[in-house]
Amino acid sequence: MTTFLVGYAAAQQGRDVSVLAAKAAALANRWAAEAAENADATPEAAPEAKPKAKPAE
């Protein structure tokens, strides 16, 4: 889907596909880095805060 959208945007704007693809890749890499930073900063839930499994009947 991303490849299609980059190609479509390039055609609509009369721009070079490789330039737009590089921008899309850089944005995706930035989002991945930000997500990794946020995951590292989020503390795990305390064991007592997790729901307990129901006993089998």
C-alpha atoms as a PDB file:
ATOM      1  CA  MET A   1       0.000   0.000   0.000  1.00  0.00           C
ATOM      2  CA  THR A   2       2.761   2.458   0.882  1.00  0.00           C
ATOM      3  CA  THR A   3       4.540   1.862  -2.424  1.00  0.00           C
ATOM      4  CA  PHE A   4       1.325   2.567  -4.293  1.00  0.00           C
ATOM      5  CA  LEU A   5       0.693   5.765  -2.350  1.00  0.00           C
ATOM      6  CA  VAL A   6       4.248   7.029  -2.854  1.00  0.00           C
ATOM      7  CA  GLY A   7       3.978   6.370  -6.584  1.00  0.00           C
ATOM      8  CA  TYR A   8       0.594   8.025  -6.740  1.00  0.00           C
ATOM      9  CA  ALA A   9       1.823  11.107  -4.863  1.00  0.00           C
ATOM     10  CA  ALA A  10       4.871  11.344  -7.122  1.00  0.00           C
ATOM     11  CA  ALA A  11       2.707  11.185 -10.237  1.00  0.00           C
ATOM     12  CA  GLN A  12       0.263  13.783  -8.898  1.00  0.00           C
ATOM     13  CA  GLN A  13       3.048  16.194  -7.986  1.00  0.00           C
ATOM     14  CA  GLY A  14       5.339  15.446 -10.917  1.00  0.00           C
ATOM     15  CA  ARG A  15       8.127  14.536  -8.494  1.00  0.00           C
ATOM     16  CA  ASP A  16      10.800  11.863  -8.375  1.00  0.00           C
ATOM     17  CA  VAL A  17       9.531   8.628  -6.812  1.00  0.00           C
ATOM     18  CA  SER A  18      12.896   7.878  -5.188  1.00  0.00           C
ATOM     19  CA  VAL A  19      12.884  11.201  -3.322  1.00  0.00           C
ATOM     20  CA  LEU A  20       9.381  10.636  -1.971  1.00  0.00           C
ATOM     21  CA  ALA A  21      10.186   7.005  -1.111  1.00  0.00           C
ATOM     22  CA  ALA A  22      13.229   8.150   0.874  1.00  0.00           C
ATOM     23  CA  LYS A  23      11.068  10.661   2.757  1.00  0.00           C
ATOM     24  CA  ALA A  24       8.478   7.979   3.521  1.00  0.00           C
ATOM     25  CA  ALA A  25      11.192   5.591   4.740  1.00  0.00           C
ATOM     26  CA  ALA A  26      12.711   8.278   6.960  1.00  0.00           C
ATOM     27  CA  LEU A  27       9.308   9.026   8.457  1.00  0.00           C
ATOM     28  CA  ALA A  28       8.624   5.331   9.101  1.00  0.00           C
ATOM     29  CA  ASN A  29      12.035   4.948  10.756  1.00  0.00           C
ATOM     30  CA  ARG A  30      11.363   7.982  12.960  1.00  0.00           C
ATOM     31  CA  TRP A  31       7.987   6.586  14.015  1.00  0.00           C
ATOM     32  CA  ALA A  32       9.573   3.218  14.817  1.00  0.00           C
ATOM     33  CA  ALA A  33      12.281   4.894  16.928  1.00  0.00           C
ATOM     34  CA  GLU A  34       9.677   6.971  18.789  1.00  0.00           C
ATOM     35  CA  ALA A  35       7.563   3.867  19.431  1.00  0.00           C
ATOM     36  CA  ALA A  36      10.610   2.037  20.791  1.00  0.00           C
ATOM     37  CA  GLU A  37      11.422   4.977  23.086  1.00  0.00           C
ATOM     38  CA  ASN A  38       7.838   5.085  24.349  1.00  0.00           C
ATOM     39  CA  ALA A  39       7.807   1.333  24.946  1.00  0.00           C
ATOM     40  CA  ASP A  40      10.995   1.615  27.006  1.00  0.00           C
ATOM     41  CA  ALA A  41       9.534   4.471  29.054  1.00  0.00           C
ATOM     42  CA  THR A  42       6.252   2.675  29.837  1.00  0.00           C
ATOM     43  CA  PRO A  43       6.535   0.723  33.087  1.00  0.00           C
ATOM     44  CA  GLU A  44       5.130  -2.782  33.179  1.00  0.00           C
ATOM     45  CA  ALA A  45       2.004  -3.280  35.235  1.00  0.00           C
ATOM     46  CA  ALA A  46       2.605  -4.585  38.731  1.00  0.00           C
ATOM     47  CA  PRO A  47       1.814  -8.303  39.048  1.00  0.00           C
ATOM     48  CA  GLU A  48      -1.019  -7.612  41.483  1.00  0.00           C
ATOM     49  CA  ALA A  49      -2.573  -5.198  38.980  1.00  0.00           C
ATOM     50  CA  LYS A  50      -2.924  -7.857  36.304  1.00  0.00           C
ATOM     51  CA  PRO A  51      -6.260  -9.697  36.148  1.00  0.00           C
ATOM     52  CA  LYS A  52      -6.195 -13.187  37.568  1.00  0.00           C
ATOM     53  CA  ALA A  53      -7.276 -16.125  35.477  1.00  0.00           C
ATOM     54  CA  LYS A  54     -10.582 -17.696  36.396  1.00  0.00           C
ATOM     55  CA  PRO A  55     -10.280 -21.246  37.752  1.00  0.00           C
ATOM     56  CA  ALA A  56     -11.413 -23.974  35.386  1.00  0.00           C
ATOM     57  CA  GLU A  57     -14.813 -25.391  36.256  1.00  0.00           C
END
